[in-house]
Amino acid sequence: MKRKLLTGTSLSLVLLVIMAQPALAQSDPAPAAQFVLDNIFVFIAGVLVFFMQAGFALVEAGLTRSKNVANIMMKNLMDMSAGVLAFALVGFGIGFGGAELLGGWFGFGWGINGVEGTVPMVLNLTPATFFFFQAAFAATAATIVSGAMAERTKFKSYFVYSFIITALIYPVILRWTWGGGWLSQLEFPFSDFAGSTIVHATGGWAALMGAIVLGPRIGKFAKDGTPRAIPGHNIPFVVLGAMILFIGWFGFNPGSELAADELVTGIALKTLLAAGAGSVAAMAINWALDKKPDVSMAANGLLAGMVAVTAPVGTIETWASVVIGAIGGLIVVFSVKFVDRLKIDDPVGAISVHGVVGTFGTLSIAFFAKYDDAFLGRENAGMFYGGGIDQLRTQLIFIGVHFLFVVTTTGLLFLGIKAVMGLRVSEEEELAGLDVMEHGSPGYGLEGGRGEFASSSSSVAGV
């Protein structure tokens, strides 16, 4: 009995100490528990989004040639590492800190204001939690570009791009939108729940400009402009990477609720259904066109379904996620073929998956929106629910201004890098492979050593 009394007293004292902590010093224990739960949930969601970097790296590596695999892994590693530092130093302050400037078109503040404290910055989230989650999104926007520029880009030049897009370009878009800027102040505000345009189309349109300024890989197009297939070296990488991205998206979309509440699982379900619909639709239409069910296209369809539903997921009924995801899967098949016809070399389909489908996802809100996702400010905003064209007008403004801003700024960035330090490796380096020429060793430990690997690569890498 004495031992039980001592145990009970000890537990009571521990509970009193916990409840007395400054961060949780509230009269009602329920808000204190919710505060902790919200922050832990969004933190875990952010971890899943950071894990998507591994998925992007594997998809890109699998869809390209083995002689460039180390270079691809290095680019994705630096998108995360340098991107987080750039976002912490400047980007986060432009997106969310400081005073609003130029009527909500810009803002500025150094660093992460209040990062050492536990006073909520957004909803129940501390500055540290909110930054962690947003930094994962910034790294995602940056790394999308890597695939479209694969196998021919100087690493030092790519590093400069990665730092600048997370420090300056992406944060300005954040200020307009999630940062409370001009787009959120319109009579009928924009909606992009988890970033089909803010994150994915930013990366997609930057990828477009990078691929254009670089030019195609050696051997990609015949003299008459006919595209030639340059097969990737590892389809298991592609599928594994797509599945990692699939898992990571359950941090991306549900985490964007920014709270551990009753809506989270519904958002996850819509993400799941859109992913499946996108993959099946892309497989089916590509099978009908090319007479074979292509594995990489089915994987890209999976990603396209999730990109498409990322913007409307907080506004739609569950059935609509299947429709939107399937349309995304169909779009990506035709878009990939169209980009090829334009003689733009995008080895992984990043322009189509993230730029084209991301834009569609944001536009779909104007048709399918039934619920208020905290951006719209009203229910039944979609045209299919009697909302009229007001939301369509806003979404088109958002999409148009975003496209012009991204293609202009990233186009100038890539042209500037090209003029100052060069953007593309030499023909010799491209043929030999970037692993050896840019990083000093092959990505795979083939027998014969570094010199033999470089020599053998040079003789067979013409396509």
Protein backbone atom coordinates (compact mmCIF):
# COMPACT_ATOMS: atom_id res chain seq x y z
CA MET A 1 0.00 0.00 0.00
CA LYS A 2 2.83 2.39 0.86
CA ARG A 3 4.47 1.72 -2.53
CA LYS A 4 1.17 2.45 -4.33
CA LEU A 5 0.77 5.71 -2.44
CA LEU A 6 4.32 6.79 -3.33
CA THR A 7 3.80 5.88 -7.00
CA GLY A 8 0.53 7.80 -7.12
CA THR A 9 2.11 10.83 -5.49
CA SER A 10 5.04 10.76 -7.92
CA LEU A 11 2.76 10.59 -10.93
CA SER A 12 0.70 13.48 -9.60
CA LEU A 13 3.83 15.60 -9.14
CA VAL A 14 5.00 14.82 -12.69
CA LEU A 15 1.63 15.85 -14.10
CA LEU A 16 1.70 19.08 -12.10
CA VAL A 17 5.18 19.91 -13.41
CA ILE A 18 4.11 19.24 -17.01
CA MET A 19 1.01 21.40 -16.67
CA ALA A 20 3.06 24.20 -15.14
CA GLN A 21 5.40 24.54 -18.15
CA PRO A 22 5.20 28.04 -19.73
CA ALA A 23 4.34 26.72 -23.18
CA LEU A 24 1.35 24.90 -21.75
CA ALA A 25 0.34 27.30 -18.96
CA GLN A 26 -3.36 27.40 -19.73
CA SER A 27 -6.31 26.96 -17.42
CA ASP A 28 -7.91 24.29 -19.62
CA PRO A 29 -5.76 21.17 -20.27
CA ALA A 30 -7.54 20.47 -23.58
CA PRO A 31 -6.07 23.50 -25.43
CA ALA A 32 -2.64 22.61 -24.03
CA ALA A 33 -2.91 19.07 -25.35
CA GLN A 34 -4.12 20.32 -28.73
CA PHE A 35 -1.18 22.73 -28.92
CA VAL A 36 1.29 19.88 -28.49
CA LEU A 37 -0.63 17.55 -30.81
CA ASP A 38 -0.82 20.12 -33.62
CA ASN A 39 2.90 20.84 -33.48
CA ILE A 40 3.93 17.19 -33.35
CA PHE A 41 1.55 16.30 -36.21
CA VAL A 42 2.83 19.07 -38.49
CA PHE A 43 6.42 18.20 -37.58
CA ILE A 44 5.88 14.56 -38.61
CA ALA A 45 4.14 15.73 -41.80
CA GLY A 46 7.21 17.87 -42.53
CA VAL A 47 9.47 14.85 -42.04
CA LEU A 48 7.41 12.98 -44.66
CA VAL A 49 7.75 15.91 -47.06
CA PHE A 50 11.53 15.99 -46.55
CA PHE A 51 11.57 12.24 -47.23
CA MET A 52 10.13 13.04 -50.67
CA GLN A 53 13.62 14.27 -51.62
CA ALA A 54 14.67 10.61 -51.68
CA GLY A 55 11.76 9.84 -53.97
CA PHE A 56 12.61 12.62 -56.39
CA ALA A 57 16.25 11.48 -56.45
CA LEU A 58 15.34 7.86 -57.22
CA VAL A 59 12.82 8.73 -59.94
CA GLU A 60 15.32 11.02 -61.67
CA ALA A 61 18.20 8.57 -61.30
CA GLY A 62 16.13 5.69 -62.64
CA LEU A 63 14.92 7.60 -65.70
CA THR A 64 18.44 8.67 -66.70
CA ARG A 65 21.70 6.85 -67.41
CA SER A 66 23.93 5.17 -64.84
CA LYS A 67 26.90 7.42 -65.62
CA ASN A 68 25.07 10.38 -64.04
CA VAL A 69 23.54 8.81 -60.94
CA ALA A 70 25.95 10.35 -58.39
CA ASN A 71 25.46 13.80 -59.92
CA ILE A 72 21.70 13.43 -59.60
CA MET A 73 21.93 12.33 -55.98
CA MET A 74 24.23 15.27 -55.23
CA LYS A 75 21.84 17.79 -56.79
CA ASN A 76 18.92 16.50 -54.75
CA LEU A 77 21.03 16.50 -51.60
CA MET A 78 21.99 20.15 -52.17
CA ASP A 79 18.42 21.18 -53.03
CA MET A 80 17.57 20.17 -49.49
CA SER A 81 20.75 21.27 -47.71
CA ALA A 82 21.51 24.60 -49.41
CA GLY A 83 17.80 25.24 -49.94
CA VAL A 84 17.01 25.04 -46.24
CA LEU A 85 19.86 27.42 -45.39
CA ALA A 86 18.80 29.93 -48.06
CA PHE A 87 15.19 29.71 -46.91
CA ALA A 88 16.20 30.25 -43.28
CA LEU A 89 18.42 33.23 -44.04
CA VAL A 90 16.21 35.13 -46.47
CA GLY A 91 13.37 33.17 -48.02
CA PHE A 92 11.19 32.62 -44.98
CA GLY A 93 11.39 36.31 -44.08
CA ILE A 94 10.30 37.33 -47.58
CA GLY A 95 7.43 34.87 -47.52
CA PHE A 96 6.12 35.36 -44.01
CA GLY A 97 8.15 37.93 -42.06
CA GLY A 98 8.54 41.67 -41.86
CA ALA A 99 6.14 44.34 -43.02
CA GLU A 100 3.99 44.02 -46.13
CA LEU A 101 5.38 46.07 -49.01
CA LEU A 102 4.07 47.19 -52.41
CA GLY A 103 0.47 46.40 -51.62
CA GLY A 104 1.14 42.76 -50.74
CA TRP A 105 3.45 42.02 -53.67
CA PHE A 106 6.53 41.81 -51.45
CA GLY A 107 7.74 41.73 -47.88
CA PHE A 108 11.04 41.31 -46.11
CA GLY A 109 12.50 40.18 -42.84
CA TRP A 110 15.76 38.47 -41.93
CA GLY A 111 15.77 35.00 -40.47
CA ILE A 112 12.98 33.31 -38.52
CA ASN A 113 11.36 35.80 -36.19
CA GLY A 114 10.64 34.32 -32.74
CA VAL A 115 12.21 30.96 -33.55
CA GLU A 116 13.45 30.41 -29.99
CA GLY A 117 10.01 30.90 -28.47
CA THR A 118 6.83 28.85 -28.22
CA VAL A 119 4.34 31.60 -28.95
CA PRO A 120 2.20 30.37 -31.88
CA MET A 121 2.99 31.99 -35.21
CA VAL A 122 0.24 30.47 -37.38
CA LEU A 123 -2.78 28.85 -35.75
CA ASN A 124 -1.30 26.66 -32.97
CA LEU A 125 2.12 26.29 -34.59
CA THR A 126 5.30 27.67 -33.11
CA PRO A 127 7.74 29.49 -35.42
CA ALA A 128 10.06 26.47 -35.39
CA THR A 129 7.31 24.07 -36.44
CA PHE A 130 5.94 26.36 -39.13
CA PHE A 131 9.41 27.01 -40.57
CA PHE A 132 10.25 23.31 -40.58
CA PHE A 133 7.15 22.49 -42.61
CA GLN A 134 7.55 25.41 -45.01
CA ALA A 135 11.24 24.66 -45.55
CA ALA A 136 10.31 21.16 -46.71
CA PHE A 137 7.99 22.70 -49.30
CA ALA A 138 10.69 25.12 -50.48
CA ALA A 139 13.13 22.25 -51.00
CA THR A 140 10.47 20.41 -52.99
CA ALA A 141 9.89 23.36 -55.33
CA ALA A 142 13.63 23.59 -55.97
CA THR A 143 14.29 19.90 -56.60
CA ILE A 144 11.56 19.50 -59.24
CA VAL A 145 13.85 21.33 -61.68
CA SER A 146 16.67 18.82 -61.32
CA GLY A 147 15.06 16.18 -63.51
CA ALA A 148 14.43 18.45 -66.48
CA MET A 149 18.07 19.60 -66.43
CA ALA A 150 19.56 16.16 -65.88
CA GLU A 151 22.69 14.77 -67.55
CA ARG A 152 24.06 18.04 -68.94
CA THR A 153 24.19 20.73 -66.23
CA LYS A 154 27.29 21.99 -64.40
CA PHE A 155 26.94 21.18 -60.73
CA LYS A 156 28.25 24.56 -59.54
CA SER A 157 25.72 26.33 -61.75
CA TYR A 158 22.88 24.16 -60.49
CA PHE A 159 23.96 24.91 -56.91
CA VAL A 160 23.64 28.65 -57.57
CA TYR A 161 20.17 28.14 -59.06
CA SER A 162 19.05 26.03 -56.09
CA PHE A 163 20.15 28.68 -53.59
CA ILE A 164 18.51 31.59 -55.43
CA ILE A 165 15.13 29.96 -56.08
CA THR A 166 14.68 29.12 -52.39
CA ALA A 167 16.07 32.44 -51.20
CA LEU A 168 14.26 34.81 -53.56
CA ILE A 169 11.95 33.48 -56.30
CA TYR A 170 9.77 30.95 -54.48
CA PRO A 171 9.44 33.17 -51.36
CA VAL A 172 7.92 36.04 -53.37
CA ILE A 173 5.15 33.67 -54.48
CA LEU A 174 4.68 32.66 -50.86
CA ARG A 175 4.21 36.31 -49.91
CA TRP A 176 1.46 36.75 -52.52
CA THR A 177 -0.41 33.68 -51.32
CA TRP A 178 0.09 31.83 -48.02
CA GLY A 179 1.91 34.90 -46.66
CA GLY A 180 -1.28 36.99 -46.82
CA GLY A 181 -0.35 39.12 -49.83
CA TRP A 182 -2.38 40.57 -52.68
CA LEU A 183 -3.90 37.34 -53.97
CA SER A 184 -5.42 36.56 -50.59
CA GLN A 185 -6.81 40.11 -50.37
CA LEU A 186 -8.96 39.98 -53.50
CA GLU A 187 -12.74 40.13 -53.19
CA PHE A 188 -12.76 36.45 -54.15
CA PRO A 189 -9.40 35.18 -52.83
CA PHE A 190 -7.28 32.54 -54.55
CA SER A 191 -7.24 28.95 -53.34
CA ASP A 192 -4.33 26.51 -53.50
CA PHE A 193 -4.60 24.35 -50.39
CA ALA A 194 -1.26 22.53 -50.49
CA GLY A 195 0.51 24.03 -53.50
CA SER A 196 -0.35 22.61 -56.93
CA THR A 197 0.77 25.97 -58.30
CA ILE A 198 2.61 27.58 -55.39
CA VAL A 199 5.01 24.62 -55.05
CA HIS A 200 4.65 22.27 -58.01
CA ALA A 201 4.03 24.65 -60.90
CA THR A 202 6.81 26.90 -59.58
CA GLY A 203 9.19 23.97 -59.97
CA GLY A 204 7.57 22.90 -63.23
CA TRP A 205 7.82 26.27 -65.00
CA ALA A 206 11.35 26.79 -63.69
CA ALA A 207 12.15 23.35 -65.15
CA LEU A 208 10.75 24.51 -68.48
CA MET A 209 13.10 27.49 -68.58
CA GLY A 210 16.08 25.46 -67.44
CA ALA A 211 15.51 22.87 -70.18
CA ILE A 212 15.07 25.58 -72.84
CA VAL A 213 18.20 27.52 -71.89
CA LEU A 214 20.27 24.32 -71.62
CA GLY A 215 19.10 22.71 -74.83
CA PRO A 216 18.57 18.99 -75.35
CA ARG A 217 20.98 16.17 -74.50
CA ILE A 218 23.30 14.97 -77.24
CA GLY A 219 21.42 12.48 -79.39
CA LYS A 220 17.94 13.26 -78.05
CA PHE A 221 16.61 14.61 -81.36
CA ALA A 222 17.39 13.50 -84.91
CA LYS A 223 18.35 16.06 -87.55
CA ASP A 224 14.72 16.31 -88.64
CA GLY A 225 13.64 16.96 -85.04
CA THR A 226 12.22 13.50 -84.37
CA PRO A 227 12.64 12.66 -80.67
CA ARG A 228 14.70 9.60 -79.81
CA ALA A 229 14.23 7.57 -76.67
CA ILE A 230 17.15 7.67 -74.23
CA PRO A 231 16.18 4.84 -71.86
CA GLY A 232 16.72 5.18 -68.15
CA HIS A 233 18.94 2.65 -66.45
CA ASN A 234 16.83 1.49 -63.51
CA ILE A 235 13.04 1.10 -63.59
CA PRO A 236 12.96 -0.32 -60.02
CA PHE A 237 14.41 3.04 -58.89
CA VAL A 238 11.59 4.82 -60.70
CA VAL A 239 8.83 2.77 -59.07
CA LEU A 240 10.46 2.84 -55.63
CA GLY A 241 10.93 6.60 -55.93
CA ALA A 242 7.32 7.08 -56.99
CA MET A 243 6.13 5.03 -54.01
CA ILE A 244 8.28 7.09 -51.64
CA LEU A 245 6.73 10.23 -53.10
CA PHE A 246 3.31 8.62 -52.70
CA ILE A 247 3.96 8.06 -48.99
CA GLY A 248 5.46 11.53 -48.60
CA TRP A 249 2.33 13.10 -50.06
CA PHE A 250 0.43 12.02 -46.95
CA GLY A 251 2.56 14.61 -45.19
CA PHE A 252 2.28 17.11 -48.02
CA ASN A 253 -1.53 17.32 -48.28
CA PRO A 254 -2.86 16.34 -44.82
CA GLY A 255 -0.04 18.30 -43.18
CA SER A 256 -1.23 21.43 -44.98
CA GLU A 257 -4.28 21.39 -42.72
CA LEU A 258 -1.73 22.72 -40.16
CA ALA A 259 -3.65 21.07 -37.33
CA ALA A 260 -4.40 17.58 -36.05
CA ASP A 261 -8.15 17.75 -36.56
CA GLU A 262 -11.07 15.77 -37.95
CA LEU A 263 -10.38 16.85 -41.56
CA VAL A 264 -6.95 15.21 -41.85
CA THR A 265 -8.06 11.70 -42.75
CA GLY A 266 -10.52 12.96 -45.36
CA ILE A 267 -7.70 14.87 -47.05
CA ALA A 268 -5.54 11.74 -46.94
CA LEU A 269 -8.31 9.67 -48.52
CA LYS A 270 -8.78 12.13 -51.38
CA THR A 271 -5.03 12.10 -51.97
CA LEU A 272 -5.03 8.31 -52.07
CA LEU A 273 -7.91 8.08 -54.55
CA ALA A 274 -6.47 10.77 -56.83
CA ALA A 275 -3.11 8.97 -56.93
CA GLY A 276 -4.69 5.67 -57.92
CA ALA A 277 -6.91 7.30 -60.54
CA GLY A 278 -3.98 9.19 -62.05
CA SER A 279 -1.83 6.08 -62.34
CA VAL A 280 -4.56 3.92 -63.87
CA ALA A 281 -5.64 6.65 -66.30
CA ALA A 282 -2.07 7.32 -67.48
CA MET A 283 -1.39 3.60 -67.91
CA ALA A 284 -4.63 3.05 -69.84
CA ILE A 285 -4.30 5.94 -72.29
CA ASN A 286 -0.60 5.27 -72.89
CA TRP A 287 -1.38 1.57 -73.41
CA ALA A 288 -4.01 2.51 -75.99
CA LEU A 289 -1.63 4.87 -77.80
CA ASP A 290 1.61 2.85 -77.72
CA LYS A 291 0.19 -0.69 -77.44
CA LYS A 292 2.22 -1.37 -74.28
CA PRO A 293 1.60 -0.41 -70.62
CA ASP A 294 4.68 1.69 -69.90
CA VAL A 295 5.94 1.46 -66.31
CA SER A 296 7.46 4.94 -66.11
CA MET A 297 4.32 6.56 -67.51
CA ALA A 298 2.17 4.77 -64.93
CA ALA A 299 4.52 6.07 -62.21
CA ASN A 300 4.29 9.60 -63.60
CA GLY A 301 0.50 9.20 -63.68
CA LEU A 302 0.59 8.39 -59.97
CA LEU A 303 2.48 11.62 -59.31
CA ALA A 304 0.25 13.60 -61.68
CA GLY A 305 -2.88 12.47 -59.84
CA MET A 306 -1.45 13.73 -56.56
CA VAL A 307 -0.17 17.00 -58.05
CA ALA A 308 -3.63 17.63 -59.52
CA VAL A 309 -5.48 17.12 -56.25
CA THR A 310 -2.98 19.03 -54.10
CA ALA A 311 -4.69 22.40 -54.70
CA PRO A 312 -8.38 21.43 -54.48
CA VAL A 313 -8.10 18.71 -51.82
CA GLY A 314 -9.49 20.96 -49.07
CA THR A 315 -12.47 22.12 -51.13
CA ILE A 316 -13.83 19.05 -52.92
CA GLU A 317 -16.06 16.10 -52.22
CA THR A 318 -14.38 12.70 -52.23
CA TRP A 319 -15.80 11.60 -55.60
CA ALA A 320 -14.23 14.64 -57.27
CA SER A 321 -10.74 13.55 -56.22
CA VAL A 322 -11.07 10.51 -58.49
CA VAL A 323 -12.13 12.67 -61.45
CA ILE A 324 -9.41 15.27 -60.87
CA GLY A 325 -6.71 12.63 -60.38
CA ALA A 326 -7.76 10.76 -63.53
CA ILE A 327 -7.72 13.96 -65.59
CA GLY A 328 -4.25 14.68 -64.24
CA GLY A 329 -3.11 11.24 -65.38
CA LEU A 330 -4.53 11.79 -68.86
CA ILE A 331 -2.99 15.25 -69.15
CA VAL A 332 0.51 14.06 -68.30
CA VAL A 333 0.58 11.49 -71.12
CA PHE A 334 -0.33 14.02 -73.80
CA SER A 335 1.78 16.77 -72.26
CA VAL A 336 4.95 14.63 -72.25
CA LYS A 337 4.45 13.90 -75.95
CA PHE A 338 3.75 17.57 -76.69
CA VAL A 339 6.90 18.75 -74.89
CA ASP A 340 8.90 16.30 -77.01
CA ARG A 341 7.34 17.74 -80.17
CA LEU A 342 8.49 21.19 -79.06
CA LYS A 343 12.05 19.79 -79.02
CA ILE A 344 12.37 20.43 -75.29
CA ASP A 345 14.31 17.67 -73.57
CA ASP A 346 12.82 16.82 -70.18
CA PRO A 347 14.21 13.40 -69.17
CA VAL A 348 11.74 12.81 -66.32
CA GLY A 349 8.61 14.68 -67.43
CA ALA A 350 8.89 17.32 -64.68
CA ILE A 351 7.44 20.08 -66.84
CA SER A 352 4.33 18.02 -67.54
CA VAL A 353 3.81 16.45 -64.10
CA HIS A 354 4.40 19.58 -62.05
CA GLY A 355 3.92 22.56 -64.37
CA VAL A 356 1.04 21.52 -66.62
CA VAL A 357 -0.82 19.25 -64.21
CA GLY A 358 -0.17 21.58 -61.27
CA THR A 359 -1.81 24.40 -63.21
CA PHE A 360 -4.79 22.18 -63.99
CA GLY A 361 -5.14 21.27 -60.31
CA THR A 362 -5.32 24.92 -59.28
CA LEU A 363 -7.83 25.67 -62.02
CA SER A 364 -10.04 22.72 -61.02
CA ILE A 365 -11.03 24.55 -57.84
CA ALA A 366 -13.12 26.94 -59.91
CA PHE A 367 -15.28 24.00 -61.02
CA PHE A 368 -15.26 21.47 -58.18
CA ALA A 369 -15.04 23.58 -54.98
CA LYS A 370 -17.85 22.81 -52.54
CA TYR A 371 -16.25 23.46 -49.15
CA ASP A 372 -14.42 26.47 -47.74
CA ASP A 373 -10.75 25.50 -47.31
CA ALA A 374 -10.03 28.66 -45.24
CA PHE A 375 -8.82 30.44 -48.39
CA LEU A 376 -12.09 30.78 -50.31
CA GLY A 377 -14.08 32.28 -47.44
CA ARG A 378 -17.31 30.68 -48.66
CA GLU A 379 -18.83 27.35 -49.62
CA ASN A 380 -20.17 26.27 -53.03
CA ALA A 381 -17.65 28.47 -54.84
CA GLY A 382 -17.25 26.05 -57.74
CA MET A 383 -19.20 26.43 -60.96
CA PHE A 384 -20.62 22.91 -60.58
CA TYR A 385 -22.23 24.07 -57.31
CA GLY A 386 -23.68 27.33 -58.59
CA GLY A 387 -20.71 29.51 -57.69
CA GLY A 388 -20.55 31.30 -61.03
CA ILE A 389 -17.32 32.51 -62.64
CA ASP A 390 -15.95 34.60 -59.77
CA GLN A 391 -13.54 31.91 -58.57
CA LEU A 392 -12.57 31.02 -62.12
CA ARG A 393 -11.55 34.63 -62.71
CA THR A 394 -9.39 34.67 -59.58
CA GLN A 395 -7.75 31.32 -60.32
CA LEU A 396 -6.91 32.45 -63.87
CA ILE A 397 -5.33 35.66 -62.55
CA PHE A 398 -3.32 33.61 -60.07
CA ILE A 399 -2.17 31.10 -62.71
CA GLY A 400 -1.33 33.78 -65.29
CA VAL A 401 0.65 36.08 -63.00
CA HIS A 402 2.45 33.11 -61.47
CA PHE A 403 3.46 31.73 -64.88
CA LEU A 404 4.77 35.08 -66.12
CA PHE A 405 6.70 35.70 -62.92
CA VAL A 406 8.35 32.28 -62.78
CA VAL A 407 9.31 32.00 -66.46
CA THR A 408 10.69 35.55 -66.43
CA THR A 409 12.70 35.31 -63.22
CA THR A 410 14.04 31.80 -63.75
CA GLY A 411 14.70 32.47 -67.43
CA LEU A 412 16.80 35.50 -66.50
CA LEU A 413 18.46 33.50 -63.73
CA PHE A 414 19.52 30.69 -66.07
CA LEU A 415 20.65 33.12 -68.77
CA GLY A 416 22.65 35.04 -66.18
CA ILE A 417 24.31 31.88 -64.87
CA LYS A 418 25.05 30.81 -68.46
CA ALA A 419 26.72 34.15 -69.22
CA VAL A 420 28.73 34.41 -66.00
CA MET A 421 29.85 30.86 -65.18
CA GLY A 422 28.39 28.61 -67.85
CA LEU A 423 25.37 26.36 -67.43
CA ARG A 424 26.11 23.31 -69.54
CA VAL A 425 29.03 20.89 -69.36
CA SER A 426 31.23 20.31 -72.40
CA GLU A 427 30.38 17.66 -74.99
CA GLU A 428 33.25 15.52 -73.72
CA GLU A 429 31.96 15.70 -70.16
CA GLU A 430 28.41 14.92 -71.20
CA LEU A 431 29.49 11.84 -73.15
CA ALA A 432 31.76 10.58 -70.37
CA GLY A 433 29.16 11.13 -67.70
CA LEU A 434 28.87 13.72 -64.95
CA ASP A 435 29.72 11.37 -62.10
CA VAL A 436 33.37 11.10 -63.07
CA MET A 437 33.80 14.49 -64.74
CA GLU A 438 31.95 16.60 -62.17
CA HIS A 439 32.41 14.62 -58.94
CA GLY A 440 35.55 12.57 -59.49
CA SER A 441 34.16 9.05 -59.19
CA PRO A 442 31.39 6.88 -60.63
CA GLY A 443 28.09 6.53 -58.85
CA TYR A 444 28.39 2.76 -58.99
CA GLY A 445 31.56 0.98 -57.86
CA LEU A 446 32.29 -0.79 -61.13
CA GLU A 447 35.43 -2.92 -61.37
CA GLY A 448 38.44 -1.47 -63.11
CA GLY A 449 38.67 1.81 -61.27
CA ARG A 450 37.81 5.37 -62.13
CA GLY A 451 39.87 5.68 -65.29
CA GLU A 452 38.51 2.55 -66.94
CA PHE A 453 34.93 3.57 -66.08
CA ALA A 454 35.40 6.98 -67.67
CA SER A 455 36.95 5.49 -70.77
CA SER A 456 34.24 2.89 -71.30
CA SER A 457 31.50 5.43 -70.68
CA SER A 458 32.91 7.77 -73.30
CA SER A 459 32.74 5.11 -76.00
CA VAL A 460 29.09 4.14 -75.54
CA ALA A 461 27.36 7.26 -74.26
CA GLY A 462 26.53 8.95 -77.56
CA VAL A 463 22.76 8.58 -77.09
